[in-house]
Amino acid sequence: MKETHGLTVSTLNIAQMKAECGLEMECDRSGGKQQPKCPPEKREAILDAFRHFGMIEDDSSEG
């Protein structure tokens, strides 16, 4: 992330995006606490990484 997008993302942000994409997660450690949302610029970078590693489909191939 740092090299490609110049961003540092937390494991919380990655977990939030995995949940949003319906990807398998090991466990929920939030204990039901409200967590801050993933910022839009980090959201796109994480989704880009998921696409790169084949974890989600590339949206641009549709159409």
PDB file of N, CA and C in Angstrom:
ATOM      1  N   MET A   1       0.818  -1.189   0.000  1.00  0.00           N
ATOM      2  CA  MET A   1       0.000   0.000   0.000  1.00  0.00           C
ATOM      3  C   MET A   1       0.862   1.253   0.000  1.00  0.00           C
ATOM      4  N   LYS A   2       1.851   1.244   0.848  1.00  0.00           N
ATOM      5  CA  LYS A   2       2.715   2.423   0.970  1.00  0.00           C
ATOM      6  C   LYS A   2       3.412   2.711  -0.359  1.00  0.00           C
ATOM      7  N   GLU A   3       3.983   1.670  -0.977  1.00  0.00           N
ATOM      8  CA  GLU A   3       4.702   1.849  -2.239  1.00  0.00           C
ATOM      9  C   GLU A   3       3.779   2.266  -3.374  1.00  0.00           C
ATOM     10  N   THR A   4       2.661   1.577  -3.518  1.00  0.00           N
ATOM     11  CA  THR A   4       1.757   1.784  -4.645  1.00  0.00           C
ATOM     12  C   THR A   4       0.907   3.035  -4.509  1.00  0.00           C
ATOM     13  N   HIS A   5       0.331   3.237  -3.302  1.00  0.00           N
ATOM     14  CA  HIS A   5      -0.628   4.318  -3.116  1.00  0.00           C
ATOM     15  C   HIS A   5      -0.149   5.419  -2.179  1.00  0.00           C
ATOM     16  N   GLY A   6       1.006   5.207  -1.529  1.00  0.00           N
ATOM     17  CA  GLY A   6       1.513   6.206  -0.593  1.00  0.00           C
ATOM     18  C   GLY A   6       0.680   6.306   0.673  1.00  0.00           C
ATOM     19  N   LEU A   7      -0.051   5.225   0.995  1.00  0.00           N
ATOM     20  CA  LEU A   7      -0.920   5.217   2.165  1.00  0.00           C
ATOM     21  C   LEU A   7      -0.535   4.101   3.116  1.00  0.00           C
ATOM     22  N   THR A   8      -0.750   4.344   4.387  1.00  0.00           N
ATOM     23  CA  THR A   8      -0.619   3.302   5.384  1.00  0.00           C
ATOM     24  C   THR A   8      -2.035   2.992   5.859  1.00  0.00           C
ATOM     25  N   VAL A   9      -2.431   1.728   5.770  1.00  0.00           N
ATOM     26  CA  VAL A   9      -3.777   1.353   6.188  1.00  0.00           C
ATOM     27  C   VAL A   9      -3.698   0.442   7.402  1.00  0.00           C
ATOM     28  N   SER A  10      -4.697   0.546   8.258  1.00  0.00           N
ATOM     29  CA  SER A  10      -4.722  -0.276   9.466  1.00  0.00           C
ATOM     30  C   SER A  10      -5.414  -1.601   9.180  1.00  0.00           C
ATOM     31  N   THR A  11      -5.180  -2.557  10.070  1.00  0.00           N
ATOM     32  CA  THR A  11      -5.859  -3.838   9.936  1.00  0.00           C
ATOM     33  C   THR A  11      -7.366  -3.656  10.113  1.00  0.00           C
ATOM     34  N   LEU A  12      -7.777  -2.651  10.884  1.00  0.00           N
ATOM     35  CA  LEU A  12      -9.198  -2.340  11.036  1.00  0.00           C
ATOM     36  C   LEU A  12      -9.802  -1.968   9.688  1.00  0.00           C
ATOM     37  N   ASN A  13      -9.103  -1.105   8.929  1.00  0.00           N
ATOM     38  CA  ASN A  13      -9.602  -0.703   7.610  1.00  0.00           C
ATOM     39  C   ASN A  13      -9.714  -1.911   6.684  1.00  0.00           C
ATOM     40  N   ILE A  14      -8.729  -2.786   6.716  1.00  0.00           N
ATOM     41  CA  ILE A  14      -8.748  -3.979   5.864  1.00  0.00           C
ATOM     42  C   ILE A  14      -9.902  -4.890   6.271  1.00  0.00           C
ATOM     43  N   ALA A  15     -10.099  -5.077   7.574  1.00  0.00           N
ATOM     44  CA  ALA A  15     -11.196  -5.919   8.060  1.00  0.00           C
ATOM     45  C   ALA A  15     -12.552  -5.347   7.661  1.00  0.00           C
ATOM     46  N   GLN A  16     -12.700  -4.036   7.737  1.00  0.00           N
ATOM     47  CA  GLN A  16     -13.959  -3.403   7.336  1.00  0.00           C
ATOM     48  C   GLN A  16     -14.240  -3.651   5.862  1.00  0.00           C
ATOM     49  N   MET A  17     -13.211  -3.549   5.035  1.00  0.00           N
ATOM     50  CA  MET A  17     -13.400  -3.748   3.607  1.00  0.00           C
ATOM     51  C   MET A  17     -13.664  -5.222   3.286  1.00  0.00           C
ATOM     52  N   LYS A  18     -13.031  -6.142   4.021  1.00  0.00           N
ATOM     53  CA  LYS A  18     -13.324  -7.560   3.835  1.00  0.00           C
ATOM     54  C   LYS A  18     -14.786  -7.836   4.145  1.00  0.00           C
ATOM     55  N   ALA A  19     -15.284  -7.252   5.234  1.00  0.00           N
ATOM     56  CA  ALA A  19     -16.685  -7.440   5.613  1.00  0.00           C
ATOM     57  C   ALA A  19     -17.607  -6.866   4.537  1.00  0.00           C
ATOM     58  N   GLU A  20     -17.263  -5.691   4.027  1.00  0.00           N
ATOM     59  CA  GLU A  20     -18.079  -5.047   2.992  1.00  0.00           C
ATOM     60  C   GLU A  20     -18.131  -5.887   1.719  1.00  0.00           C
ATOM     61  N   CYS A  21     -17.025  -6.550   1.404  1.00  0.00           N
ATOM     62  CA  CYS A  21     -16.944  -7.355   0.186  1.00  0.00           C
ATOM     63  C   CYS A  21     -17.439  -8.784   0.395  1.00  0.00           C
ATOM     64  N   GLY A  22     -17.761  -9.128   1.640  1.00  0.00           N
ATOM     65  CA  GLY A  22     -18.238 -10.473   1.926  1.00  0.00           C
ATOM     66  C   GLY A  22     -17.137 -11.511   1.941  1.00  0.00           C
ATOM     67  N   LEU A  23     -15.910 -11.082   2.190  1.00  0.00           N
ATOM     68  CA  LEU A  23     -14.778 -12.005   2.243  1.00  0.00           C
ATOM     69  C   LEU A  23     -14.683 -12.638   3.624  1.00  0.00           C
ATOM     70  N   GLU A  24     -14.090 -13.817   3.664  1.00  0.00           N
ATOM     71  CA  GLU A  24     -13.948 -14.559   4.915  1.00  0.00           C
ATOM     72  C   GLU A  24     -13.062 -13.798   5.900  1.00  0.00           C
ATOM     73  N   MET A  25     -13.523 -13.754   7.144  1.00  0.00           N
ATOM     74  CA  MET A  25     -12.757 -13.087   8.197  1.00  0.00           C
ATOM     75  C   MET A  25     -12.554 -14.079   9.329  1.00  0.00           C
ATOM     76  N   GLU A  26     -11.420 -13.947  10.022  1.00  0.00           N
ATOM     77  CA  GLU A  26     -11.116 -14.887  11.096  1.00  0.00           C
ATOM     78  C   GLU A  26     -12.034 -14.698  12.292  1.00  0.00           C
ATOM     79  N   CYS A  27     -12.172 -13.481  12.773  1.00  0.00           N
ATOM     80  CA  CYS A  27     -13.049 -13.216  13.909  1.00  0.00           C
ATOM     81  C   CYS A  27     -13.292 -11.725  14.033  1.00  0.00           C
ATOM     82  N   ASP A  28     -14.318 -11.382  14.810  1.00  0.00           N
ATOM     83  CA  ASP A  28     -14.648  -9.980  15.065  1.00  0.00           C
ATOM     84  C   ASP A  28     -14.143  -9.625  16.453  1.00  0.00           C
ATOM     85  N   ARG A  29     -13.149  -8.763  16.505  1.00  0.00           N
ATOM     86  CA  ARG A  29     -12.550  -8.395  17.797  1.00  0.00           C
ATOM     87  C   ARG A  29     -13.046  -7.057  18.320  1.00  0.00           C
ATOM     88  N   SER A  30     -14.060  -6.497  17.672  1.00  0.00           N
ATOM     89  CA  SER A  30     -14.540  -5.180  18.079  1.00  0.00           C
ATOM     90  C   SER A  30     -15.319  -5.226  19.378  1.00  0.00           C
ATOM     91  N   GLY A  31     -15.819  -6.409  19.741  1.00  0.00           N
ATOM     92  CA  GLY A  31     -16.602  -6.525  20.956  1.00  0.00           C
ATOM     93  C   GLY A  31     -17.896  -5.741  20.884  1.00  0.00           C
ATOM     94  N   GLY A  32     -18.404  -5.518  19.674  1.00  0.00           N
ATOM     95  CA  GLY A  32     -19.647  -4.794  19.493  1.00  0.00           C
ATOM     96  C   GLY A  32     -19.490  -3.283  19.550  1.00  0.00           C
ATOM     97  N   LYS A  33     -18.271  -2.797  19.720  1.00  0.00           N
ATOM     98  CA  LYS A  33     -18.026  -1.350  19.774  1.00  0.00           C
ATOM     99  C   LYS A  33     -18.151  -0.731  18.387  1.00  0.00           C
ATOM    100  N   GLN A  34     -18.635   0.500  18.351  1.00  0.00           N
ATOM    101  CA  GLN A  34     -18.713   1.242  17.091  1.00  0.00           C
ATOM    102  C   GLN A  34     -17.297   1.651  16.680  1.00  0.00           C
ATOM    103  N   GLN A  35     -16.928   1.363  15.436  1.00  0.00           N
ATOM    104  CA  GLN A  35     -15.598   1.675  14.930  1.00  0.00           C
ATOM    105  C   GLN A  35     -15.694   2.792  13.894  1.00  0.00           C
ATOM    106  N   PRO A  36     -14.653   3.610  13.773  1.00  0.00           N
ATOM    107  CA  PRO A  36     -14.657   4.640  12.728  1.00  0.00           C
ATOM    108  C   PRO A  36     -14.639   3.980  11.351  1.00  0.00           C
ATOM    109  N   LYS A  37     -15.298   4.605  10.385  1.00  0.00           N
ATOM    110  CA  LYS A  37     -15.375   4.064   9.025  1.00  0.00           C
ATOM    111  C   LYS A  37     -14.054   4.265   8.285  1.00  0.00           C
ATOM    112  N   CYS A  38     -13.814   3.397   7.328  1.00  0.00           N
ATOM    113  CA  CYS A  38     -12.622   3.477   6.487  1.00  0.00           C
ATOM    114  C   CYS A  38     -12.737   4.707   5.584  1.00  0.00           C
ATOM    115  N   PRO A  39     -11.710   5.575   5.560  1.00  0.00           N
ATOM    116  CA  PRO A  39     -11.740   6.764   4.696  1.00  0.00           C
ATOM    117  C   PRO A  39     -11.815   6.369   3.208  1.00  0.00           C
ATOM    118  N   PRO A  40     -12.508   7.173   2.394  1.00  0.00           N
ATOM    119  CA  PRO A  40     -12.700   6.830   0.971  1.00  0.00           C
ATOM    120  C   PRO A  40     -11.399   6.565   0.203  1.00  0.00           C
ATOM    121  N   GLU A  41     -10.355   7.359   0.451  1.00  0.00           N
ATOM    122  CA  GLU A  41      -9.112   7.143  -0.297  1.00  0.00           C
ATOM    123  C   GLU A  41      -8.451   5.817   0.075  1.00  0.00           C
ATOM    124  N   LYS A  42      -8.577   5.410   1.324  1.00  0.00           N
ATOM    125  CA  LYS A  42      -8.030   4.117   1.748  1.00  0.00           C
ATOM    126  C   LYS A  42      -8.921   2.983   1.253  1.00  0.00           C
ATOM    127  N   ARG A  43     -10.219   3.237   1.212  1.00  0.00           N
ATOM    128  CA  ARG A  43     -11.171   2.239   0.730  1.00  0.00           C
ATOM    129  C   ARG A  43     -10.805   1.813  -0.689  1.00  0.00           C
ATOM    130  N   GLU A  44     -10.594   2.779  -1.563  1.00  0.00           N
ATOM    131  CA  GLU A  44     -10.249   2.481  -2.960  1.00  0.00           C
ATOM    132  C   GLU A  44      -8.910   1.768  -3.071  1.00  0.00           C
ATOM    133  N   ALA A  45      -7.930   2.162  -2.263  1.00  0.00           N
ATOM    134  CA  ALA A  45      -6.618   1.512  -2.290  1.00  0.00           C
ATOM    135  C   ALA A  45      -6.723   0.053  -1.839  1.00  0.00           C
ATOM    136  N   ILE A  46      -7.520  -0.200  -0.819  1.00  0.00           N
ATOM    137  CA  ILE A  46      -7.696  -1.568  -0.332  1.00  0.00           C
ATOM    138  C   ILE A  46      -8.425  -2.407  -1.380  1.00  0.00           C
ATOM    139  N   LEU A  47      -9.459  -1.852  -1.987  1.00  0.00           N
ATOM    140  CA  LEU A  47     -10.171  -2.578  -3.042  1.00  0.00           C
ATOM    141  C   LEU A  47      -9.244  -2.885  -4.218  1.00  0.00           C
ATOM    142  N   ASP A  48      -8.361  -1.960  -4.547  1.00  0.00           N
ATOM    143  CA  ASP A  48      -7.378  -2.173  -5.607  1.00  0.00           C
ATOM    144  C   ASP A  48      -6.462  -3.351  -5.250  1.00  0.00           C
ATOM    145  N   ALA A  49      -6.038  -3.405  -4.003  1.00  0.00           N
ATOM    146  CA  ALA A  49      -5.186  -4.514  -3.551  1.00  0.00           C
ATOM    147  C   ALA A  49      -5.952  -5.841  -3.605  1.00  0.00           C
ATOM    148  N   PHE A  50      -7.216  -5.845  -3.187  1.00  0.00           N
ATOM    149  CA  PHE A  50      -8.035  -7.057  -3.254  1.00  0.00           C
ATOM    150  C   PHE A  50      -8.136  -7.554  -4.697  1.00  0.00           C
ATOM    151  N   ARG A  51      -8.336  -6.617  -5.636  1.00  0.00           N
ATOM    152  CA  ARG A  51      -8.403  -6.993  -7.055  1.00  0.00           C
ATOM    153  C   ARG A  51      -7.061  -7.555  -7.527  1.00  0.00           C
ATOM    154  N   HIS A  52      -5.979  -6.905  -7.137  1.00  0.00           N
ATOM    155  CA  HIS A  52      -4.636  -7.334  -7.534  1.00  0.00           C
ATOM    156  C   HIS A  52      -4.365  -8.774  -7.107  1.00  0.00           C
ATOM    157  N   PHE A  53      -4.799  -9.133  -5.901  1.00  0.00           N
ATOM    158  CA  PHE A  53      -4.549 -10.468  -5.371  1.00  0.00           C
ATOM    159  C   PHE A  53      -5.670 -11.463  -5.699  1.00  0.00           C
ATOM    160  N   GLY A  54      -6.618 -11.052  -6.550  1.00  0.00           N
ATOM    161  CA  GLY A  54      -7.672 -11.955  -6.992  1.00  0.00           C
ATOM    162  C   GLY A  54      -8.705 -12.276  -5.920  1.00  0.00           C
ATOM    163  N   MET A  55      -8.809 -11.438  -4.925  1.00  0.00           N
ATOM    164  CA  MET A  55      -9.769 -11.663  -3.845  1.00  0.00           C
ATOM    165  C   MET A  55     -11.174 -11.227  -4.248  1.00  0.00           C
ATOM    166  N   ILE A  56     -11.266 -10.254  -5.155  1.00  0.00           N
ATOM    167  CA  ILE A  56     -12.547  -9.801  -5.693  1.00  0.00           C
ATOM    168  C   ILE A  56     -12.402  -9.630  -7.194  1.00  0.00           C
ATOM    169  N   GLU A  57     -13.532  -9.593  -7.885  1.00  0.00           N
ATOM    170  CA  GLU A  57     -13.552  -9.404  -9.344  1.00  0.00           C
ATOM    171  C   GLU A  57     -13.182  -7.976  -9.697  1.00  0.00           C
ATOM    172  N   ASP A  58     -12.595  -7.811 -10.857  1.00  0.00           N
ATOM    173  CA  ASP A  58     -12.266  -6.485 -11.387  1.00  0.00           C
ATOM    174  C   ASP A  58     -13.514  -5.922 -12.052  1.00  0.00           C
ATOM    175  N   ASP A  59     -14.054  -4.825 -11.520  1.00  0.00           N
ATOM    176  CA  ASP A  59     -15.298  -4.215 -12.020  1.00  0.00           C
ATOM    177  C   ASP A  59     -15.160  -3.736 -13.462  1.00  0.00           C
ATOM    178  N   SER A  60     -13.950  -3.373 -13.902  1.00  0.00           N
ATOM    179  CA  SER A  60     -13.773  -2.812 -15.236  1.00  0.00           C
ATOM    180  C   SER A  60     -13.995  -3.839 -16.334  1.00  0.00           C
ATOM    181  N   SER A  61     -14.009  -5.133 -16.017  1.00  0.00           N
ATOM    182  CA  SER A  61     -14.202  -6.162 -17.020  1.00  0.00           C
ATOM    183  C   SER A  61     -15.671  -6.308 -17.407  1.00  0.00           C
ATOM    184  N   GLU A  62     -16.573  -5.701 -16.627  1.00  0.00           N
ATOM    185  CA  GLU A  62     -17.995  -5.761 -16.932  1.00  0.00           C
ATOM    186  C   GLU A  62     -18.325  -4.773 -18.044  1.00  0.00           C
ATOM    187  N   GLY A  63     -19.305  -5.162 -18.899  1.00  0.00           N
ATOM    188  CA  GLY A  63     -19.743  -4.205 -19.911  1.00  0.00           C
ATOM    189  C   GLY A  63     -19.574  -4.635 -21.253  1.00  0.00           C
TER     190      GLY A  63
END
